[in-house]
Amino acid sequence: MPNPRVARRYRNLLLDNGFVDVTVEVQTIVWTGSACLPLLANLGGEGAWLEEQAARAHHDRLFLAVPIFLAAGTRAA
């Protein structure tokens, strides 16, 4: 992920660029099975860490929560 902390700036980016009535919502996706292992490989790469996550998934002990942020506003006239 090029900038995993950009969501912290969403609201200010909109305000700084002339938007008003800016709101931010968050939805969280939760995975507990091996289906998320490709995503984890993209985030953390190969190696011991990913192997540990695969073992957790195999033993039904994996927990991954991914927040998805949506920021919206109205363009000021």
PDB file of N, CA and C in Angstrom:
ATOM      1  N   MET A   1       0.850  -1.170   0.000  1.00  0.00           N
ATOM      2  CA  MET A   1       0.000   0.000   0.000  1.00  0.00           C
ATOM      3  C   MET A   1       0.898   1.237   0.000  1.00  0.00           C
ATOM      4  N   PRO A   2       0.761   2.080  -0.982  1.00  0.00           N
ATOM      5  CA  PRO A   2       1.645   3.241  -1.088  1.00  0.00           C
ATOM      6  C   PRO A   2       1.552   4.199   0.102  1.00  0.00           C
ATOM      7  N   ASN A   3       0.354   4.410   0.623  1.00  0.00           N
ATOM      8  CA  ASN A   3       0.197   5.339   1.744  1.00  0.00           C
ATOM      9  C   ASN A   3      -0.939   4.843   2.638  1.00  0.00           C
ATOM     10  N   PRO A   4      -0.652   3.925   3.558  1.00  0.00           N
ATOM     11  CA  PRO A   4      -1.717   3.314   4.360  1.00  0.00           C
ATOM     12  C   PRO A   4      -2.391   4.265   5.337  1.00  0.00           C
ATOM     13  N   ARG A   5      -1.838   5.448   5.546  1.00  0.00           N
ATOM     14  CA  ARG A   5      -2.421   6.389   6.518  1.00  0.00           C
ATOM     15  C   ARG A   5      -3.139   7.576   5.863  1.00  0.00           C
ATOM     16  N   VAL A   6      -3.315   7.530   4.552  1.00  0.00           N
ATOM     17  CA  VAL A   6      -3.936   8.649   3.848  1.00  0.00           C
ATOM     18  C   VAL A   6      -5.365   8.908   4.323  1.00  0.00           C
ATOM     19  N   ALA A   7      -6.072   7.874   4.767  1.00  0.00           N
ATOM     20  CA  ALA A   7      -7.462   8.057   5.198  1.00  0.00           C
ATOM     21  C   ALA A   7      -7.569   9.064   6.338  1.00  0.00           C
ATOM     22  N   ARG A   8      -6.530   9.200   7.129  1.00  0.00           N
ATOM     23  CA  ARG A   8      -6.538  10.195   8.216  1.00  0.00           C
ATOM     24  C   ARG A   8      -6.675  11.613   7.669  1.00  0.00           C
ATOM     25  N   ARG A   9      -6.299  11.797   6.410  1.00  0.00           N
ATOM     26  CA  ARG A   9      -6.304  13.135   5.816  1.00  0.00           C
ATOM     27  C   ARG A   9      -7.510  13.402   4.926  1.00  0.00           C
ATOM     28  N   TYR A  10      -8.361  12.410   4.703  1.00  0.00           N
ATOM     29  CA  TYR A  10      -9.473  12.571   3.761  1.00  0.00           C
ATOM     30  C   TYR A  10     -10.306  13.822   4.038  1.00  0.00           C
ATOM     31  N   ARG A  11     -10.737  13.967   5.275  1.00  0.00           N
ATOM     32  CA  ARG A  11     -11.611  15.100   5.604  1.00  0.00           C
ATOM     33  C   ARG A  11     -10.903  16.424   5.324  1.00  0.00           C
ATOM     34  N   ASN A  12      -9.674  16.570   5.807  1.00  0.00           N
ATOM     35  CA  ASN A  12      -8.943  17.817   5.597  1.00  0.00           C
ATOM     36  C   ASN A  12      -8.636  18.072   4.129  1.00  0.00           C
ATOM     37  N   LEU A  13      -8.356  17.022   3.367  1.00  0.00           N
ATOM     38  CA  LEU A  13      -8.115  17.203   1.930  1.00  0.00           C
ATOM     39  C   LEU A  13      -9.337  17.793   1.243  1.00  0.00           C
ATOM     40  N   LEU A  14     -10.515  17.300   1.595  1.00  0.00           N
ATOM     41  CA  LEU A  14     -11.733  17.855   1.005  1.00  0.00           C
ATOM     42  C   LEU A  14     -11.956  19.296   1.453  1.00  0.00           C
ATOM     43  N   LEU A  15     -11.803  19.551   2.748  1.00  0.00           N
ATOM     44  CA  LEU A  15     -11.982  20.915   3.252  1.00  0.00           C
ATOM     45  C   LEU A  15     -10.978  21.875   2.624  1.00  0.00           C
ATOM     46  N   ASP A  16      -9.730  21.455   2.520  1.00  0.00           N
ATOM     47  CA  ASP A  16      -8.689  22.308   1.939  1.00  0.00           C
ATOM     48  C   ASP A  16      -8.896  22.590   0.460  1.00  0.00           C
ATOM     49  N   ASN A  17      -9.733  21.791  -0.202  1.00  0.00           N
ATOM     50  CA  ASN A  17      -9.980  21.974  -1.625  1.00  0.00           C
ATOM     51  C   ASN A  17     -11.376  22.488  -1.930  1.00  0.00           C
ATOM     52  N   GLY A  18     -11.967  23.172  -0.937  1.00  0.00           N
ATOM     53  CA  GLY A  18     -13.203  23.896  -1.191  1.00  0.00           C
ATOM     54  C   GLY A  18     -14.498  23.154  -0.948  1.00  0.00           C
ATOM     55  N   PHE A  19     -14.455  21.983  -0.351  1.00  0.00           N
ATOM     56  CA  PHE A  19     -15.688  21.258  -0.063  1.00  0.00           C
ATOM     57  C   PHE A  19     -16.241  21.687   1.289  1.00  0.00           C
ATOM     58  N   VAL A  20     -17.564  21.625   1.414  1.00  0.00           N
ATOM     59  CA  VAL A  20     -18.246  21.943   2.675  1.00  0.00           C
ATOM     60  C   VAL A  20     -19.132  20.758   3.056  1.00  0.00           C
ATOM     61  N   ASP A  21     -19.665  20.803   4.252  1.00  0.00           N
ATOM     62  CA  ASP A  21     -20.526  19.722   4.747  1.00  0.00           C
ATOM     63  C   ASP A  21     -19.852  18.359   4.566  1.00  0.00           C
ATOM     64  N   VAL A  22     -18.591  18.303   4.915  1.00  0.00           N
ATOM     65  CA  VAL A  22     -17.807  17.079   4.732  1.00  0.00           C
ATOM     66  C   VAL A  22     -18.156  16.066   5.816  1.00  0.00           C
ATOM     67  N   THR A  23     -18.408  14.859   5.393  1.00  0.00           N
ATOM     68  CA  THR A  23     -18.671  13.763   6.325  1.00  0.00           C
ATOM     69  C   THR A  23     -17.715  12.615   6.022  1.00  0.00           C
ATOM     70  N   VAL A  24     -17.462  11.827   7.032  1.00  0.00           N
ATOM     71  CA  VAL A  24     -16.621  10.640   6.866  1.00  0.00           C
ATOM     72  C   VAL A  24     -17.333   9.472   7.531  1.00  0.00           C
ATOM     73  N   GLU A  25     -17.445   8.373   6.792  1.00  0.00           N
ATOM     74  CA  GLU A  25     -18.037   7.149   7.330  1.00  0.00           C
ATOM     75  C   GLU A  25     -16.997   6.047   7.253  1.00  0.00           C
ATOM     76  N   VAL A  26     -17.137   5.071   8.117  1.00  0.00           N
ATOM     77  CA  VAL A  26     -16.233   3.932   8.079  1.00  0.00           C
ATOM     78  C   VAL A  26     -17.039   2.636   8.150  1.00  0.00           C
ATOM     79  N   GLN A  27     -16.642   1.699   7.337  1.00  0.00           N
ATOM     80  CA  GLN A  27     -17.178   0.343   7.379  1.00  0.00           C
ATOM     81  C   GLN A  27     -15.987  -0.564   7.625  1.00  0.00           C
ATOM     82  N   THR A  28     -16.170  -1.601   8.378  1.00  0.00           N
ATOM     83  CA  THR A  28     -15.071  -2.509   8.664  1.00  0.00           C
ATOM     84  C   THR A  28     -15.389  -3.889   8.096  1.00  0.00           C
ATOM     85  N   ILE A  29     -14.450  -4.399   7.340  1.00  0.00           N
ATOM     86  CA  ILE A  29     -14.551  -5.754   6.809  1.00  0.00           C
ATOM     87  C   ILE A  29     -13.759  -6.654   7.744  1.00  0.00           C
ATOM     88  N   VAL A  30     -14.348  -7.763   8.148  1.00  0.00           N
ATOM     89  CA  VAL A  30     -13.677  -8.709   9.034  1.00  0.00           C
ATOM     90  C   VAL A  30     -13.571 -10.052   8.338  1.00  0.00           C
ATOM     91  N   TRP A  31     -12.350 -10.586   8.297  1.00  0.00           N
ATOM     92  CA  TRP A  31     -12.098 -11.916   7.774  1.00  0.00           C
ATOM     93  C   TRP A  31     -11.516 -12.783   8.879  1.00  0.00           C
ATOM     94  N   THR A  32     -11.926 -14.028   8.904  1.00  0.00           N
ATOM     95  CA  THR A  32     -11.401 -14.953   9.904  1.00  0.00           C
ATOM     96  C   THR A  32     -10.900 -16.251   9.277  1.00  0.00           C
ATOM     97  N   GLY A  33     -10.887 -16.320   7.970  1.00  0.00           N
ATOM     98  CA  GLY A  33     -10.481 -17.556   7.305  1.00  0.00           C
ATOM     99  C   GLY A  33      -9.350 -17.339   6.323  1.00  0.00           C
ATOM    100  N   SER A  34      -8.955 -18.393   5.676  1.00  0.00           N
ATOM    101  CA  SER A  34      -7.802 -18.357   4.780  1.00  0.00           C
ATOM    102  C   SER A  34      -8.052 -17.587   3.490  1.00  0.00           C
ATOM    103  N   ALA A  35      -9.287 -17.209   3.202  1.00  0.00           N
ATOM    104  CA  ALA A  35      -9.573 -16.458   1.980  1.00  0.00           C
ATOM    105  C   ALA A  35      -8.838 -15.120   1.933  1.00  0.00           C
ATOM    106  N   CYS A  36      -8.463 -14.588   3.091  1.00  0.00           N
ATOM    107  CA  CYS A  36      -7.784 -13.290   3.115  1.00  0.00           C
ATOM    108  C   CYS A  36      -6.267 -13.415   3.022  1.00  0.00           C
ATOM    109  N   LEU A  37      -5.725 -14.617   2.958  1.00  0.00           N
ATOM    110  CA  LEU A  37      -4.269 -14.780   2.912  1.00  0.00           C
ATOM    111  C   LEU A  37      -3.616 -14.089   1.711  1.00  0.00           C
ATOM    112  N   PRO A  38      -4.219 -14.086   0.505  1.00  0.00           N
ATOM    113  CA  PRO A  38      -3.602 -13.322  -0.589  1.00  0.00           C
ATOM    114  C   PRO A  38      -3.493 -11.827  -0.273  1.00  0.00           C
ATOM    115  N   LEU A  39      -4.506 -11.268   0.385  1.00  0.00           N
ATOM    116  CA  LEU A  39      -4.439  -9.863   0.788  1.00  0.00           C
ATOM    117  C   LEU A  39      -3.300  -9.656   1.776  1.00  0.00           C
ATOM    118  N   LEU A  40      -3.171 -10.546   2.738  1.00  0.00           N
ATOM    119  CA  LEU A  40      -2.092 -10.429   3.713  1.00  0.00           C
ATOM    120  C   LEU A  40      -0.725 -10.557   3.042  1.00  0.00           C
ATOM    121  N   ALA A  41      -0.629 -11.407   2.036  1.00  0.00           N
ATOM    122  CA  ALA A  41       0.638 -11.542   1.306  1.00  0.00           C
ATOM    123  C   ALA A  41       0.991 -10.236   0.613  1.00  0.00           C
ATOM    124  N   ASN A  42      -0.020  -9.536   0.067  1.00  0.00           N
ATOM    125  CA  ASN A  42       0.226  -8.234  -0.565  1.00  0.00           C
ATOM    126  C   ASN A  42       0.670  -7.193   0.450  1.00  0.00           C
ATOM    127  N   LEU A  43       0.142  -7.260   1.650  1.00  0.00           N
ATOM    128  CA  LEU A  43       0.483  -6.289   2.685  1.00  0.00           C
ATOM    129  C   LEU A  43       1.823  -6.579   3.351  1.00  0.00           C
ATOM    130  N   GLY A  44       2.038  -7.836   3.691  1.00  0.00           N
ATOM    131  CA  GLY A  44       3.206  -8.169   4.492  1.00  0.00           C
ATOM    132  C   GLY A  44       4.273  -8.972   3.794  1.00  0.00           C
ATOM    133  N   GLY A  45       4.012  -9.387   2.570  1.00  0.00           N
ATOM    134  CA  GLY A  45       5.000 -10.167   1.850  1.00  0.00           C
ATOM    135  C   GLY A  45       5.073 -11.604   2.318  1.00  0.00           C
ATOM    136  N   GLU A  46       5.969 -12.328   1.709  1.00  0.00           N
ATOM    137  CA  GLU A  46       6.178 -13.731   2.050  1.00  0.00           C
ATOM    138  C   GLU A  46       7.047 -13.830   3.299  1.00  0.00           C
ATOM    139  N   GLY A  47       7.117 -15.026   3.862  1.00  0.00           N
ATOM    140  CA  GLY A  47       8.026 -15.241   4.976  1.00  0.00           C
ATOM    141  C   GLY A  47       7.325 -15.728   6.226  1.00  0.00           C
ATOM    142  N   ALA A  48       8.048 -15.618   7.324  1.00  0.00           N
ATOM    143  CA  ALA A  48       7.582 -16.166   8.602  1.00  0.00           C
ATOM    144  C   ALA A  48       6.259 -15.551   9.046  1.00  0.00           C
ATOM    145  N   TRP A  49       6.097 -14.259   8.840  1.00  0.00           N
ATOM    146  CA  TRP A  49       4.861 -13.599   9.291  1.00  0.00           C
ATOM    147  C   TRP A  49       3.653 -14.185   8.572  1.00  0.00           C
ATOM    148  N   LEU A  50       3.761 -14.316   7.256  1.00  0.00           N
ATOM    149  CA  LEU A  50       2.644 -14.860   6.478  1.00  0.00           C
ATOM    150  C   LEU A  50       2.392 -16.324   6.844  1.00  0.00           C
ATOM    151  N   GLU A  51       3.448 -17.069   7.075  1.00  0.00           N
ATOM    152  CA  GLU A  51       3.292 -18.460   7.506  1.00  0.00           C
ATOM    153  C   GLU A  51       2.552 -18.544   8.835  1.00  0.00           C
ATOM    154  N   GLU A  52       2.849 -17.612   9.723  1.00  0.00           N
ATOM    155  CA  GLU A  52       2.150 -17.580  11.017  1.00  0.00           C
ATOM    156  C   GLU A  52       0.659 -17.299  10.818  1.00  0.00           C
ATOM    157  N   GLN A  53       0.336 -16.392   9.897  1.00  0.00           N
ATOM    158  CA  GLN A  53      -1.071 -16.073   9.633  1.00  0.00           C
ATOM    159  C   GLN A  53      -1.777 -17.273   9.011  1.00  0.00           C
ATOM    160  N   ALA A  54      -1.094 -17.986   8.116  1.00  0.00           N
ATOM    161  CA  ALA A  54      -1.673 -19.184   7.502  1.00  0.00           C
ATOM    162  C   ALA A  54      -1.940 -20.251   8.565  1.00  0.00           C
ATOM    163  N   ALA A  55      -1.035 -20.399   9.519  1.00  0.00           N
ATOM    164  CA  ALA A  55      -1.240 -21.360  10.609  1.00  0.00           C
ATOM    165  C   ALA A  55      -2.430 -20.945  11.465  1.00  0.00           C
ATOM    166  N   ARG A  56      -2.559 -19.647  11.719  1.00  0.00           N
ATOM    167  CA  ARG A  56      -3.730 -19.167  12.470  1.00  0.00           C
ATOM    168  C   ARG A  56      -5.017 -19.489  11.722  1.00  0.00           C
ATOM    169  N   ALA A  57      -5.028 -19.264  10.411  1.00  0.00           N
ATOM    170  CA  ALA A  57      -6.221 -19.565   9.613  1.00  0.00           C
ATOM    171  C   ALA A  57      -6.530 -21.057   9.667  1.00  0.00           C
ATOM    172  N   HIS A  58      -5.505 -21.879   9.568  1.00  0.00           N
ATOM    173  CA  HIS A  58      -5.689 -23.330   9.603  1.00  0.00           C
ATOM    174  C   HIS A  58      -6.322 -23.786  10.917  1.00  0.00           C
ATOM    175  N   HIS A  59      -5.989 -23.103  12.008  1.00  0.00           N
ATOM    176  CA  HIS A  59      -6.508 -23.459  13.336  1.00  0.00           C
ATOM    177  C   HIS A  59      -7.722 -22.604  13.739  1.00  0.00           C
ATOM    178  N   ASP A  60      -8.315 -21.914  12.740  1.00  0.00           N
ATOM    179  CA  ASP A  60      -9.486 -21.069  12.973  1.00  0.00           C
ATOM    180  C   ASP A  60      -9.212 -20.003  14.031  1.00  0.00           C
ATOM    181  N   ARG A  61      -8.033 -19.383  13.968  1.00  0.00           N
ATOM    182  CA  ARG A  61      -7.637 -18.350  14.927  1.00  0.00           C
ATOM    183  C   ARG A  61      -7.216 -17.051  14.253  1.00  0.00           C
ATOM    184  N   LEU A  62      -7.470 -16.932  12.958  1.00  0.00           N
ATOM    185  CA  LEU A  62      -7.087 -15.727  12.234  1.00  0.00           C
ATOM    186  C   LEU A  62      -8.174 -14.664  12.394  1.00  0.00           C
ATOM    187  N   PHE A  63      -7.750 -13.435  12.584  1.00  0.00           N
ATOM    188  CA  PHE A  63      -8.679 -12.309  12.661  1.00  0.00           C
ATOM    189  C   PHE A  63      -8.042 -11.143  11.929  1.00  0.00           C
ATOM    190  N   LEU A  64      -8.713 -10.663  10.898  1.00  0.00           N
ATOM    191  CA  LEU A  64      -8.247  -9.509  10.137  1.00  0.00           C
ATOM    192  C   LEU A  64      -9.408  -8.533  10.014  1.00  0.00           C
ATOM    193  N   ALA A  65      -9.187  -7.308  10.449  1.00  0.00           N
ATOM    194  CA  ALA A  65     -10.195  -6.257  10.328  1.00  0.00           C
ATOM    195  C   ALA A  65      -9.606  -5.142   9.465  1.00  0.00           C
ATOM    196  N   VAL A  66     -10.318  -4.781   8.400  1.00  0.00           N
ATOM    197  CA  VAL A  66      -9.855  -3.761   7.469  1.00  0.00           C
ATOM    198  C   VAL A  66     -10.892  -2.637   7.430  1.00  0.00           C
ATOM    199  N   PRO A  67     -10.526  -1.435   7.909  1.00  0.00           N
ATOM    200  CA  PRO A  67     -11.469  -0.322   7.835  1.00  0.00           C
ATOM    201  C   PRO A  67     -11.467   0.282   6.429  1.00  0.00           C
ATOM    202  N   ILE A  68     -12.656   0.567   5.929  1.00  0.00           N
ATOM    203  CA  ILE A  68     -12.829   1.227   4.639  1.00  0.00           C
ATOM    204  C   ILE A  68     -13.488   2.578   4.916  1.00  0.00           C
ATOM    205  N   PHE A  69     -12.816   3.662   4.504  1.00  0.00           N
ATOM    206  CA  PHE A  69     -13.309   5.008   4.779  1.00  0.00           C
ATOM    207  C   PHE A  69     -13.931   5.615   3.536  1.00  0.00           C
ATOM    208  N   LEU A  70     -15.038   6.314   3.724  1.00  0.00           N
ATOM    209  CA  LEU A  70     -15.693   7.046   2.654  1.00  0.00           C
ATOM    210  C   LEU A  70     -15.877   8.483   3.114  1.00  0.00           C
ATOM    211  N   ALA A  71     -15.258   9.399   2.412  1.00  0.00           N
ATOM    212  CA  ALA A  71     -15.390  10.812   2.731  1.00  0.00           C
ATOM    213  C   ALA A  71     -16.152  11.473   1.591  1.00  0.00           C
ATOM    214  N   ALA A  72     -17.086  12.347   1.943  1.00  0.00           N
ATOM    215  CA  ALA A  72     -17.903  13.032   0.937  1.00  0.00           C
ATOM    216  C   ALA A  72     -18.164  14.451   1.378  1.00  0.00           C
ATOM    217  N   GLY A  73     -18.389  15.305   0.421  1.00  0.00           N
ATOM    218  CA  GLY A  73     -18.708  16.691   0.721  1.00  0.00           C
ATOM    219  C   GLY A  73     -19.372  17.335  -0.487  1.00  0.00           C
ATOM    220  N   THR A  74     -19.785  18.563  -0.300  1.00  0.00           N
ATOM    221  CA  THR A  74     -20.417  19.350  -1.351  1.00  0.00           C
ATOM    222  C   THR A  74     -19.419  20.401  -1.802  1.00  0.00           C
ATOM    223  N   ARG A  75     -19.271  20.525  -3.089  1.00  0.00           N
ATOM    224  CA  ARG A  75     -18.352  21.540  -3.623  1.00  0.00           C
ATOM    225  C   ARG A  75     -18.952  22.907  -3.361  1.00  0.00           C
ATOM    226  N   ALA A  76     -18.190  23.772  -2.696  1.00  0.00           N
ATOM    227  CA  ALA A  76     -18.669  25.127  -2.401  1.00  0.00           C
ATOM    228  C   ALA A  76     -18.852  25.911  -3.699  1.00  0.00           C
ATOM    229  N   ALA A  77     -19.882  26.727  -3.708  1.00  0.00           N
ATOM    230  CA  ALA A  77     -20.166  27.516  -4.933  1.00  0.00           C
ATOM    231  C   ALA A  77     -19.211  28.651  -5.115  1.00  0.00           C
TER     232      ALA A  77
END
